[in-house]
Amino acid sequence: MAARADRAVARVRAIVGDVLLFSSAHFLRVFTARWLGLEAAAGRCFVLSTASLSVLGYEHSKSQPVIRLWNDDRHVGE
């Protein structure tokens, strides 16, 4: 899973502009850990609800990856 996430992170970082990803929560949690430069196992710390929105980006440059929005499910009705 970590290798797959690393490949996805590399592909996303190579694109100029915004990217939209859809995937399972499990993969997105590992993707986020790798995005931040953490071990894949750190993905267990990033809980995701069904149909939630999250935004990853950079603070000032590509050397400073951050989470801009995480697990926003306000758009999902009760």
PDB file of N, CA and C in Angstrom:
ATOM      1  N   MET A   1       0.821  -1.185   0.000  1.00  0.00           N
ATOM      2  CA  MET A   1       0.000   0.000   0.000  1.00  0.00           C
ATOM      3  C   MET A   1       0.870   1.256   0.000  1.00  0.00           C
ATOM      4  N   ALA A   2       1.951   1.253   0.756  1.00  0.00           N
ATOM      5  CA  ALA A   2       2.832   2.426   0.815  1.00  0.00           C
ATOM      6  C   ALA A   2       3.437   2.732  -0.548  1.00  0.00           C
ATOM      7  N   ALA A   3       3.874   1.707  -1.257  1.00  0.00           N
ATOM      8  CA  ALA A   3       4.469   1.914  -2.583  1.00  0.00           C
ATOM      9  C   ALA A   3       3.442   2.494  -3.549  1.00  0.00           C
ATOM     10  N   ARG A   4       2.217   1.986  -3.493  1.00  0.00           N
ATOM     11  CA  ARG A   4       1.153   2.516  -4.348  1.00  0.00           C
ATOM     12  C   ARG A   4       0.871   3.974  -4.011  1.00  0.00           C
ATOM     13  N   ALA A   5       0.824   4.292  -2.730  1.00  0.00           N
ATOM     14  CA  ALA A   5       0.588   5.675  -2.307  1.00  0.00           C
ATOM     15  C   ALA A   5       1.745   6.569  -2.739  1.00  0.00           C
ATOM     16  N   ASP A   6       2.966   6.086  -2.611  1.00  0.00           N
ATOM     17  CA  ASP A   6       4.128   6.872  -3.036  1.00  0.00           C
ATOM     18  C   ASP A   6       4.068   7.185  -4.524  1.00  0.00           C
ATOM     19  N   ARG A   7       3.658   6.205  -5.321  1.00  0.00           N
ATOM     20  CA  ARG A   7       3.522   6.448  -6.767  1.00  0.00           C
ATOM     21  C   ARG A   7       2.449   7.495  -7.034  1.00  0.00           C
ATOM     22  N   ALA A   8       1.336   7.416  -6.320  1.00  0.00           N
ATOM     23  CA  ALA A   8       0.253   8.388  -6.502  1.00  0.00           C
ATOM     24  C   ALA A   8       0.693   9.781  -6.065  1.00  0.00           C
ATOM     25  N   VAL A   9       1.390   9.873  -4.955  1.00  0.00           N
ATOM     26  CA  VAL A   9       1.892  11.173  -4.494  1.00  0.00           C
ATOM     27  C   VAL A   9       2.823  11.772  -5.550  1.00  0.00           C
ATOM     28  N   ALA A  10       3.722  10.991  -6.081  1.00  0.00           N
ATOM     29  CA  ALA A  10       4.648  11.481  -7.106  1.00  0.00           C
ATOM     30  C   ALA A  10       3.909  11.968  -8.336  1.00  0.00           C
ATOM     31  N   ARG A  11       2.892  11.228  -8.756  1.00  0.00           N
ATOM     32  CA  ARG A  11       2.112  11.638  -9.941  1.00  0.00           C
ATOM     33  C   ARG A  11       1.366  12.940  -9.677  1.00  0.00           C
ATOM     34  N   VAL A  12       0.762  13.065  -8.509  1.00  0.00           N
ATOM     35  CA  VAL A  12       0.015  14.285  -8.172  1.00  0.00           C
ATOM     36  C   VAL A  12       0.958  15.480  -8.101  1.00  0.00           C
ATOM     37  N   ARG A  13       2.102  15.315  -7.466  1.00  0.00           N
ATOM     38  CA  ARG A  13       3.047  16.431  -7.332  1.00  0.00           C
ATOM     39  C   ARG A  13       3.620  16.873  -8.672  1.00  0.00           C
ATOM     40  N   ALA A  14       3.620  16.000  -9.667  1.00  0.00           N
ATOM     41  CA  ALA A  14       4.140  16.343 -10.996  1.00  0.00           C
ATOM     42  C   ALA A  14       3.159  17.155 -11.819  1.00  0.00           C
ATOM     43  N   ILE A  15       1.913  17.201 -11.396  1.00  0.00           N
ATOM     44  CA  ILE A  15       0.874  17.917 -12.145  1.00  0.00           C
ATOM     45  C   ILE A  15       0.852  19.380 -11.731  1.00  0.00           C
ATOM     46  N   VAL A  16       0.769  20.256 -12.721  1.00  0.00           N
ATOM     47  CA  VAL A  16       0.620  21.682 -12.452  1.00  0.00           C
ATOM     48  C   VAL A  16      -0.876  21.968 -12.391  1.00  0.00           C
ATOM     49  N   GLY A  17      -1.363  22.415 -11.253  1.00  0.00           N
ATOM     50  CA  GLY A  17      -2.784  22.691 -11.097  1.00  0.00           C
ATOM     51  C   GLY A  17      -3.405  21.763 -10.065  1.00  0.00           C
ATOM     52  N   ASP A  18      -4.709  21.866  -9.960  1.00  0.00           N
ATOM     53  CA  ASP A  18      -5.453  21.093  -8.971  1.00  0.00           C
ATOM     54  C   ASP A  18      -5.707  19.671  -9.455  1.00  0.00           C
ATOM     55  N   VAL A  19      -5.827  18.757  -8.507  1.00  0.00           N
ATOM     56  CA  VAL A  19      -6.077  17.345  -8.794  1.00  0.00           C
ATOM     57  C   VAL A  19      -7.200  16.882  -7.885  1.00  0.00           C
ATOM     58  N   LEU A  20      -8.104  16.074  -8.405  1.00  0.00           N
ATOM     59  CA  LEU A  20      -9.205  15.514  -7.620  1.00  0.00           C
ATOM     60  C   LEU A  20      -9.037  14.005  -7.579  1.00  0.00           C
ATOM     61  N   LEU A  21      -9.020  13.441  -6.365  1.00  0.00           N
ATOM     62  CA  LEU A  21      -8.882  12.002  -6.197  1.00  0.00           C
ATOM     63  C   LEU A  21     -10.111  11.430  -5.509  1.00  0.00           C
ATOM     64  N   PHE A  22     -10.540  10.282  -5.961  1.00  0.00           N
ATOM     65  CA  PHE A  22     -11.593   9.510  -5.315  1.00  0.00           C
ATOM     66  C   PHE A  22     -10.994   8.149  -4.994  1.00  0.00           C
ATOM     67  N   SER A  23     -11.174   7.681  -3.778  1.00  0.00           N
ATOM     68  CA  SER A  23     -10.648   6.373  -3.426  1.00  0.00           C
ATOM     69  C   SER A  23     -11.271   5.915  -2.120  1.00  0.00           C
ATOM     70  N   SER A  24     -10.841   4.760  -1.665  1.00  0.00           N
ATOM     71  CA  SER A  24     -11.309   4.263  -0.378  1.00  0.00           C
ATOM     72  C   SER A  24     -10.631   5.049   0.742  1.00  0.00           C
ATOM     73  N   ALA A  25     -11.276   5.071   1.888  1.00  0.00           N
ATOM     74  CA  ALA A  25     -10.715   5.780   3.037  1.00  0.00           C
ATOM     75  C   ALA A  25      -9.360   5.199   3.417  1.00  0.00           C
ATOM     76  N   HIS A  26      -9.236   3.882   3.357  1.00  0.00           N
ATOM     77  CA  HIS A  26      -7.983   3.246   3.757  1.00  0.00           C
ATOM     78  C   HIS A  26      -6.824   3.758   2.911  1.00  0.00           C
ATOM     79  N   PHE A  27      -6.989   3.784   1.601  1.00  0.00           N
ATOM     80  CA  PHE A  27      -5.916   4.273   0.735  1.00  0.00           C
ATOM     81  C   PHE A  27      -5.663   5.757   0.969  1.00  0.00           C
ATOM     82  N   LEU A  28      -6.713   6.547   1.090  1.00  0.00           N
ATOM     83  CA  LEU A  28      -6.528   7.991   1.268  1.00  0.00           C
ATOM     84  C   LEU A  28      -5.821   8.323   2.572  1.00  0.00           C
ATOM     85  N   ARG A  29      -6.033   7.515   3.591  1.00  0.00           N
ATOM     86  CA  ARG A  29      -5.332   7.728   4.855  1.00  0.00           C
ATOM     87  C   ARG A  29      -3.839   7.457   4.693  1.00  0.00           C
ATOM     88  N   VAL A  30      -3.486   6.398   3.975  1.00  0.00           N
ATOM     89  CA  VAL A  30      -2.076   6.100   3.706  1.00  0.00           C
ATOM     90  C   VAL A  30      -1.493   7.159   2.776  1.00  0.00           C
ATOM     91  N   PHE A  31      -2.246   7.555   1.760  1.00  0.00           N
ATOM     92  CA  PHE A  31      -1.815   8.607   0.841  1.00  0.00           C
ATOM     93  C   PHE A  31      -1.473   9.883   1.619  1.00  0.00           C
ATOM     94  N   THR A  32      -2.327  10.246   2.555  1.00  0.00           N
ATOM     95  CA  THR A  32      -2.107  11.458   3.346  1.00  0.00           C
ATOM     96  C   THR A  32      -0.850  11.337   4.200  1.00  0.00           C
ATOM     97  N   ALA A  33      -0.664  10.206   4.826  1.00  0.00           N
ATOM     98  CA  ALA A  33       0.554  10.004   5.617  1.00  0.00           C
ATOM     99  C   ALA A  33       1.792  10.170   4.741  1.00  0.00           C
ATOM    100  N   ARG A  34       1.784   9.561   3.585  1.00  0.00           N
ATOM    101  CA  ARG A  34       2.937   9.657   2.681  1.00  0.00           C
ATOM    102  C   ARG A  34       3.082  11.074   2.134  1.00  0.00           C
ATOM    103  N   TRP A  35       1.962  11.766   1.860  1.00  0.00           N
ATOM    104  CA  TRP A  35       1.973  13.161   1.410  1.00  0.00           C
ATOM    105  C   TRP A  35       2.745  14.027   2.407  1.00  0.00           C
ATOM    106  N   LEU A  36       2.523  13.745   3.693  1.00  0.00           N
ATOM    107  CA  LEU A  36       3.160  14.519   4.760  1.00  0.00           C
ATOM    108  C   LEU A  36       4.568  14.029   5.098  1.00  0.00           C
ATOM    109  N   GLY A  37       5.014  12.956   4.432  1.00  0.00           N
ATOM    110  CA  GLY A  37       6.341  12.419   4.688  1.00  0.00           C
ATOM    111  C   GLY A  37       6.401  11.499   5.889  1.00  0.00           C
ATOM    112  N   LEU A  38       5.246  10.999   6.322  1.00  0.00           N
ATOM    113  CA  LEU A  38       5.161  10.086   7.452  1.00  0.00           C
ATOM    114  C   LEU A  38       5.186   8.643   6.971  1.00  0.00           C
ATOM    115  N   GLU A  39       5.438   7.733   7.879  1.00  0.00           N
ATOM    116  CA  GLU A  39       5.339   6.311   7.563  1.00  0.00           C
ATOM    117  C   GLU A  39       3.893   5.978   7.202  1.00  0.00           C
ATOM    118  N   ALA A  40       3.701   5.010   6.351  1.00  0.00           N
ATOM    119  CA  ALA A  40       2.352   4.622   5.915  1.00  0.00           C
ATOM    120  C   ALA A  40       1.462   4.266   7.102  1.00  0.00           C
ATOM    121  N   ALA A  41       2.032   3.648   8.125  1.00  0.00           N
ATOM    122  CA  ALA A  41       1.248   3.240   9.303  1.00  0.00           C
ATOM    123  C   ALA A  41       0.636   4.428  10.029  1.00  0.00           C
ATOM    124  N   ALA A  42       1.176   5.613   9.837  1.00  0.00           N
ATOM    125  CA  ALA A  42       0.606   6.817  10.466  1.00  0.00           C
ATOM    126  C   ALA A  42      -0.777   7.137   9.904  1.00  0.00           C
ATOM    127  N   GLY A  43      -1.131   6.527   8.786  1.00  0.00           N
ATOM    128  CA  GLY A  43      -2.465   6.730   8.215  1.00  0.00           C
ATOM    129  C   GLY A  43      -3.577   6.344   9.173  1.00  0.00           C
ATOM    130  N   ARG A  44      -3.282   5.480  10.132  1.00  0.00           N
ATOM    131  CA  ARG A  44      -4.292   5.077  11.110  1.00  0.00           C
ATOM    132  C   ARG A  44      -4.763   6.259  11.950  1.00  0.00           C
ATOM    133  N   CYS A  45      -3.997   7.333  11.989  1.00  0.00           N
ATOM    134  CA  CYS A  45      -4.347   8.521  12.783  1.00  0.00           C
ATOM    135  C   CYS A  45      -5.302   9.460  12.056  1.00  0.00           C
ATOM    136  N   PHE A  46      -5.557   9.220  10.786  1.00  0.00           N
ATOM    137  CA  PHE A  46      -6.385  10.108   9.977  1.00  0.00           C
ATOM    138  C   PHE A  46      -7.732   9.460   9.688  1.00  0.00           C
ATOM    139  N   VAL A  47      -8.708   9.708  10.521  1.00  0.00           N
ATOM    140  CA  VAL A  47     -10.040   9.122  10.368  1.00  0.00           C
ATOM    141  C   VAL A  47     -10.785   9.839   9.239  1.00  0.00           C
ATOM    142  N   LEU A  48     -11.477   9.062   8.418  1.00  0.00           N
ATOM    143  CA  LEU A  48     -12.281   9.624   7.332  1.00  0.00           C
ATOM    144  C   LEU A  48     -13.697   9.064   7.382  1.00  0.00           C
ATOM    145  N   SER A  49     -14.673   9.940   7.274  1.00  0.00           N
ATOM    146  CA  SER A  49     -16.067   9.532   7.191  1.00  0.00           C
ATOM    147  C   SER A  49     -16.440   9.295   5.731  1.00  0.00           C
ATOM    148  N   THR A  50     -17.503   8.550   5.516  1.00  0.00           N
ATOM    149  CA  THR A  50     -17.991   8.308   4.165  1.00  0.00           C
ATOM    150  C   THR A  50     -18.386   9.625   3.502  1.00  0.00           C
ATOM    151  N   ALA A  51     -17.974   9.812   2.264  1.00  0.00           N
ATOM    152  CA  ALA A  51     -18.311  10.966   1.440  1.00  0.00           C
ATOM    153  C   ALA A  51     -17.771  12.283   1.982  1.00  0.00           C
ATOM    154  N   SER A  52     -16.763  12.220   2.820  1.00  0.00           N
ATOM    155  CA  SER A  52     -16.181  13.456   3.347  1.00  0.00           C
ATOM    156  C   SER A  52     -15.224  14.077   2.336  1.00  0.00           C
ATOM    157  N   LEU A  53     -14.942  15.352   2.529  1.00  0.00           N
ATOM    158  CA  LEU A  53     -14.024  16.087   1.669  1.00  0.00           C
ATOM    159  C   LEU A  53     -12.767  16.420   2.461  1.00  0.00           C
ATOM    160  N   SER A  54     -11.640  16.281   1.814  1.00  0.00           N
ATOM    161  CA  SER A  54     -10.362  16.650   2.415  1.00  0.00           C
ATOM    162  C   SER A  54      -9.525  17.332   1.346  1.00  0.00           C
ATOM    163  N   VAL A  55      -8.669  18.245   1.785  1.00  0.00           N
ATOM    164  CA  VAL A  55      -7.820  18.984   0.854  1.00  0.00           C
ATOM    165  C   VAL A  55      -6.388  18.949   1.372  1.00  0.00           C
ATOM    166  N   LEU A  56      -5.498  18.467   0.530  1.00  0.00           N
ATOM    167  CA  LEU A  56      -4.073  18.502   0.822  1.00  0.00           C
ATOM    168  C   LEU A  56      -3.439  19.585  -0.030  1.00  0.00           C
ATOM    169  N   GLY A  57      -2.368  20.140   0.433  1.00  0.00           N
ATOM    170  CA  GLY A  57      -1.702  21.185  -0.335  1.00  0.00           C
ATOM    171  C   GLY A  57      -0.327  21.456   0.233  1.00  0.00           C
ATOM    172  N   TYR A  58       0.103  22.695   0.069  1.00  0.00           N
ATOM    173  CA  TYR A  58       1.419  23.112   0.520  1.00  0.00           C
ATOM    174  C   TYR A  58       1.282  24.402   1.323  1.00  0.00           C
ATOM    175  N   GLU A  59       2.180  24.579   2.293  1.00  0.00           N
ATOM    176  CA  GLU A  59       2.196  25.815   3.074  1.00  0.00           C
ATOM    177  C   GLU A  59       2.766  26.949   2.228  1.00  0.00           C
ATOM    178  N   HIS A  60       4.009  26.849   1.833  1.00  0.00           N
ATOM    179  CA  HIS A  60       4.630  27.893   1.009  1.00  0.00           C
ATOM    180  C   HIS A  60       5.238  27.329  -0.265  1.00  0.00           C
ATOM    181  N   SER A  61       5.659  26.071  -0.201  1.00  0.00           N
ATOM    182  CA  SER A  61       6.298  25.455  -1.360  1.00  0.00           C
ATOM    183  C   SER A  61       6.070  23.945  -1.291  1.00  0.00           C
ATOM    184  N   LYS A  62       6.440  23.256  -2.337  1.00  0.00           N
ATOM    185  CA  LYS A  62       6.258  21.807  -2.374  1.00  0.00           C
ATOM    186  C   LYS A  62       7.060  21.087  -1.300  1.00  0.00           C
ATOM    187  N   SER A  63       7.988  21.770  -0.693  1.00  0.00           N
ATOM    188  CA  SER A  63       8.754  21.151   0.390  1.00  0.00           C
ATOM    189  C   SER A  63       8.018  21.207   1.729  1.00  0.00           C
ATOM    190  N   GLN A  64       6.826  21.832   1.753  1.00  0.00           N
ATOM    191  CA  GLN A  64       6.054  21.974   2.985  1.00  0.00           C
ATOM    192  C   GLN A  64       4.611  21.478   2.782  1.00  0.00           C
ATOM    193  N   PRO A  65       4.424  20.163   2.613  1.00  0.00           N
ATOM    194  CA  PRO A  65       3.074  19.626   2.421  1.00  0.00           C
ATOM    195  C   PRO A  65       2.252  19.753   3.702  1.00  0.00           C
ATOM    196  N   VAL A  66       0.965  20.051   3.538  1.00  0.00           N
ATOM    197  CA  VAL A  66       0.065  20.239   4.683  1.00  0.00           C
ATOM    198  C   VAL A  66      -1.315  19.656   4.394  1.00  0.00           C
ATOM    199  N   ILE A  67      -2.109  19.523   5.442  1.00  0.00           N
ATOM    200  CA  ILE A  67      -3.528  19.225   5.329  1.00  0.00           C
ATOM    201  C   ILE A  67      -4.257  20.558   5.440  1.00  0.00           C
ATOM    202  N   ARG A  68      -4.996  20.949   4.417  1.00  0.00           N
ATOM    203  CA  ARG A  68      -5.726  22.211   4.432  1.00  0.00           C
ATOM    204  C   ARG A  68      -7.152  22.035   4.966  1.00  0.00           C
ATOM    205  N   LEU A  69      -7.737  20.878   4.713  1.00  0.00           N
ATOM    206  CA  LEU A  69      -9.091  20.562   5.177  1.00  0.00           C
ATOM    207  C   LEU A  69      -9.131  19.059   5.373  1.00  0.00           C
ATOM    208  N   TRP A  70      -9.805  18.616   6.446  1.00  0.00           N
ATOM    209  CA  TRP A  70      -9.842  17.179   6.686  1.00  0.00           C
ATOM    210  C   TRP A  70     -11.214  16.722   7.140  1.00  0.00           C
ATOM    211  N   ASN A  71     -11.723  15.689   6.482  1.00  0.00           N
ATOM    212  CA  ASN A  71     -12.926  14.961   6.885  1.00  0.00           C
ATOM    213  C   ASN A  71     -14.156  15.855   7.009  1.00  0.00           C
ATOM    214  N   ASP A  72     -14.313  16.786   6.107  1.00  0.00           N
ATOM    215  CA  ASP A  72     -15.473  17.682   6.127  1.00  0.00           C
ATOM    216  C   ASP A  72     -16.677  16.933   5.548  1.00  0.00           C
ATOM    217  N   ASP A  73     -17.658  16.666   6.376  1.00  0.00           N
ATOM    218  CA  ASP A  73     -18.869  15.977   5.901  1.00  0.00           C
ATOM    219  C   ASP A  73     -20.128  16.801   6.155  1.00  0.00           C
ATOM    220  N   ARG A  74     -19.970  18.126   6.234  1.00  0.00           N
ATOM    221  CA  ARG A  74     -21.129  18.999   6.464  1.00  0.00           C
ATOM    222  C   ARG A  74     -22.162  18.914   5.342  1.00  0.00           C
ATOM    223  N   HIS A  75     -21.732  18.564   4.150  1.00  0.00           N
ATOM    224  CA  HIS A  75     -22.630  18.485   2.997  1.00  0.00           C
ATOM    225  C   HIS A  75     -23.488  17.215   2.998  1.00  0.00           C
ATOM    226  N   VAL A  76     -23.173  16.267   3.864  1.00  0.00           N
ATOM    227  CA  VAL A  76     -23.895  15.002   3.928  1.00  0.00           C
ATOM    228  C   VAL A  76     -25.068  15.157   4.892  1.00  0.00           C
ATOM    229  N   GLY A  77     -26.269  14.883   4.400  1.00  0.00           N
ATOM    230  CA  GLY A  77     -27.472  15.003   5.239  1.00  0.00           C
ATOM    231  C   GLY A  77     -27.514  13.924   6.292  1.00  0.00           C
ATOM    232  N   GLU A  78     -28.198  14.228   7.355  1.00  0.00           N
ATOM    233  CA  GLU A  78     -28.349  13.272   8.472  1.00  0.00           C
ATOM    234  C   GLU A  78     -29.329  12.181   8.116  1.00  0.00           C
TER     235      GLU A  78
END
